[in-house]
């Protein structure tokens, strides 16, 4: 079960990083 939770944590981190990138990109586009 630890492997499963580790996979989920990795996916969550990937999604979080992607979300931050999306927000940062849109924020920069909005500033222009």
PDB file of N, CA and C in Angstrom:
ATOM      1  N   UNK A   1       0.848  -1.203   0.000  1.00  0.00           N
ATOM      2  CA  UNK A   1       0.000   0.000   0.000  1.00  0.00           C
ATOM      3  C   UNK A   1       0.882   1.251   0.000  1.00  0.00           C
ATOM      4  N   UNK A   2       2.087   1.129   0.550  1.00  0.00           N
ATOM      5  CA  UNK A   2       2.975   2.299   0.595  1.00  0.00           C
ATOM      6  C   UNK A   2       3.368   2.699  -0.828  1.00  0.00           C
ATOM      7  N   UNK A   3       3.547   1.697  -1.695  1.00  0.00           N
ATOM      8  CA  UNK A   3       3.909   1.991  -3.083  1.00  0.00           C
ATOM      9  C   UNK A   3       2.770   2.747  -3.770  1.00  0.00           C
ATOM     10  N   UNK A   4       1.538   2.326  -3.497  1.00  0.00           N
ATOM     11  CA  UNK A   4       0.375   2.968  -4.102  1.00  0.00           C
ATOM     12  C   UNK A   4       0.298   4.433  -3.673  1.00  0.00           C
ATOM     13  N   UNK A   5       0.424   4.682  -2.371  1.00  0.00           N
ATOM     14  CA  UNK A   5       0.328   6.058  -1.873  1.00  0.00           C
ATOM     15  C   UNK A   5       1.481   6.890  -2.429  1.00  0.00           C
ATOM     16  N   UNK A   6       2.648   6.245  -2.618  1.00  0.00           N
ATOM     17  CA  UNK A   6       3.788   6.981  -3.161  1.00  0.00           C
ATOM     18  C   UNK A   6       3.494   7.401  -4.598  1.00  0.00           C
ATOM     19  N   UNK A   7       2.858   6.504  -5.354  1.00  0.00           N
ATOM     20  CA  UNK A   7       2.506   6.826  -6.731  1.00  0.00           C
ATOM     21  C   UNK A   7       1.514   7.981  -6.757  1.00  0.00           C
ATOM     22  N   UNK A   8       0.530   7.922  -5.881  1.00  0.00           N
ATOM     23  CA  UNK A   8      -0.480   8.980  -5.821  1.00  0.00           C
ATOM     24  C   UNK A   8       0.188  10.298  -5.463  1.00  0.00           C
ATOM     25  N   UNK A   9       1.113  10.268  -4.509  1.00  0.00           N
ATOM     26  CA  UNK A   9       1.814  11.489  -4.092  1.00  0.00           C
ATOM     27  C   UNK A   9       2.593  12.060  -5.270  1.00  0.00           C
ATOM     28  N   UNK A  10       3.238  11.180  -6.052  1.00  0.00           N
ATOM     29  CA  UNK A  10       4.012  11.631  -7.212  1.00  0.00           C
ATOM     30  C   UNK A  10       3.077  12.289  -8.221  1.00  0.00           C
ATOM     31  N   UNK A  11       1.926  11.663  -8.472  1.00  0.00           N
ATOM     32  CA  UNK A  11       0.965  12.230  -9.425  1.00  0.00           C
ATOM     33  C   UNK A  11       0.462  13.574  -8.925  1.00  0.00           C
ATOM     34  N   UNK A  12       0.230  13.670  -7.615  1.00  0.00           N
ATOM     35  CA  UNK A  12      -0.249  14.930  -7.052  1.00  0.00           C
ATOM     36  C   UNK A  12       0.802  16.014  -7.227  1.00  0.00           C
ATOM     37  N   UNK A  13       2.066  15.658  -7.003  1.00  0.00           N
ATOM     38  CA  UNK A  13       3.148  16.634  -7.159  1.00  0.00           C
ATOM     39  C   UNK A  13       3.237  17.087  -8.605  1.00  0.00           C
ATOM     40  N   UNK A  14       3.115  16.131  -9.538  1.00  0.00           N
ATOM     41  CA  UNK A  14       3.178  16.477 -10.961  1.00  0.00           C
ATOM     42  C   UNK A  14       2.033  17.419 -11.313  1.00  0.00           C
ATOM     43  N   UNK A  15       0.833  17.102 -10.837  1.00  0.00           N
ATOM     44  CA  UNK A  15      -0.331  17.935 -11.126  1.00  0.00           C
ATOM     45  C   UNK A  15      -0.160  19.321 -10.510  1.00  0.00           C
ATOM     46  N   UNK A  16       0.385  19.371  -9.301  1.00  0.00           N
ATOM     47  CA  UNK A  16       0.583  20.653  -8.624  1.00  0.00           C
ATOM     48  C   UNK A  16       1.580  21.514  -9.395  1.00  0.00           C
ATOM     49  N   UNK A  17       2.681  20.888  -9.834  1.00  0.00           N
ATOM     50  CA  UNK A  17       3.688  21.627 -10.597  1.00  0.00           C
ATOM     51  C   UNK A  17       3.086  22.142 -11.900  1.00  0.00           C
ATOM     52  N   UNK A  18       2.282  21.309 -12.567  1.00  0.00           N
ATOM     53  CA  UNK A  18       1.652  21.709 -13.825  1.00  0.00           C
ATOM     54  C   UNK A  18       0.686  22.867 -13.572  1.00  0.00           C
ATOM     55  N   UNK A  19      -0.069  22.765 -12.494  1.00  0.00           N
ATOM     56  CA  UNK A  19      -1.033  23.809 -12.169  1.00  0.00           C
ATOM     57  C   UNK A  19      -0.315  25.127 -11.917  1.00  0.00           C
ATOM     58  N   UNK A  20       0.777  25.078 -11.175  1.00  0.00           N
ATOM     59  CA  UNK A  20       1.555  26.298 -10.900  1.00  0.00           C
ATOM     60  C   UNK A  20       2.062  26.891 -12.206  1.00  0.00           C
ATOM     61  N   UNK A  21       2.521  26.051 -13.106  1.00  0.00           N
ATOM     62  CA  UNK A  21       3.023  26.529 -14.394  1.00  0.00           C
ATOM     63  C   UNK A  21       1.912  27.186 -15.194  1.00  0.00           C
ATOM     64  N   UNK A  22       0.732  26.583 -15.185  1.00  0.00           N
ATOM     65  CA  UNK A  22      -0.402  27.146 -15.912  1.00  0.00           C
ATOM     66  C   UNK A  22      -0.774  28.511 -15.354  1.00  0.00           C
ATOM     67  N   UNK A  23      -0.854  28.612 -14.023  1.00  0.00           N
ATOM     68  CA  UNK A  23      -1.215  29.879 -13.379  1.00  0.00           C
ATOM     69  C   UNK A  23      -0.168  30.936 -13.694  1.00  0.00           C
ATOM     70  N   UNK A  24       1.104  30.556 -13.613  1.00  0.00           N
ATOM     71  CA  UNK A  24       2.183  31.510 -13.878  1.00  0.00           C
ATOM     72  C   UNK A  24       2.111  32.013 -15.317  1.00  0.00           C
ATOM     73  N   UNK A  25       1.859  31.091 -16.253  1.00  0.00           N
ATOM     74  CA  UNK A  25       1.774  31.478 -17.666  1.00  0.00           C
ATOM     75  C   UNK A  25       0.606  32.432 -17.882  1.00  0.00           C
ATOM     76  N   UNK A  26      -0.554  32.107 -17.341  1.00  0.00           N
ATOM     77  CA  UNK A  26      -1.732  32.965 -17.536  1.00  0.00           C
ATOM     78  C   UNK A  26      -1.530  34.309 -16.853  1.00  0.00           C
ATOM     79  N   UNK A  27      -0.869  34.318 -15.711  1.00  0.00           N
ATOM     80  CA  UNK A  27      -0.621  35.572 -14.994  1.00  0.00           C
ATOM     81  C   UNK A  27       0.269  36.473 -15.843  1.00  0.00           C
ATOM     82  N   UNK A  28       1.310  35.886 -16.444  1.00  0.00           N
ATOM     83  CA  UNK A  28       2.220  36.673 -17.281  1.00  0.00           C
ATOM     84  C   UNK A  28       1.486  37.189 -18.517  1.00  0.00           C
ATOM     85  N   UNK A  29       0.636  36.358 -19.109  1.00  0.00           N
ATOM     86  CA  UNK A  29      -0.116  36.772 -20.293  1.00  0.00           C
ATOM     87  C   UNK A  29      -1.070  37.908 -19.932  1.00  0.00           C
ATOM     88  N   UNK A  30      -1.639  37.849 -18.743  1.00  0.00           N
ATOM     89  CA  UNK A  30      -2.589  38.879 -18.323  1.00  0.00           C
ATOM     90  C   UNK A  30      -1.872  40.207 -18.097  1.00  0.00           C
ATOM     91  N   UNK A  31      -0.607  40.145 -17.677  1.00  0.00           N
ATOM     92  CA  UNK A  31       0.139  41.371 -17.406  1.00  0.00           C
ATOM     93  C   UNK A  31       0.502  42.100 -18.698  1.00  0.00           C
ATOM     94  N   UNK A  32       0.730  41.341 -19.776  1.00  0.00           N
ATOM     95  CA  UNK A  32       1.155  41.963 -21.035  1.00  0.00           C
ATOM     96  C   UNK A  32       0.050  42.848 -21.596  1.00  0.00           C
TER      97      UNK A  32
END
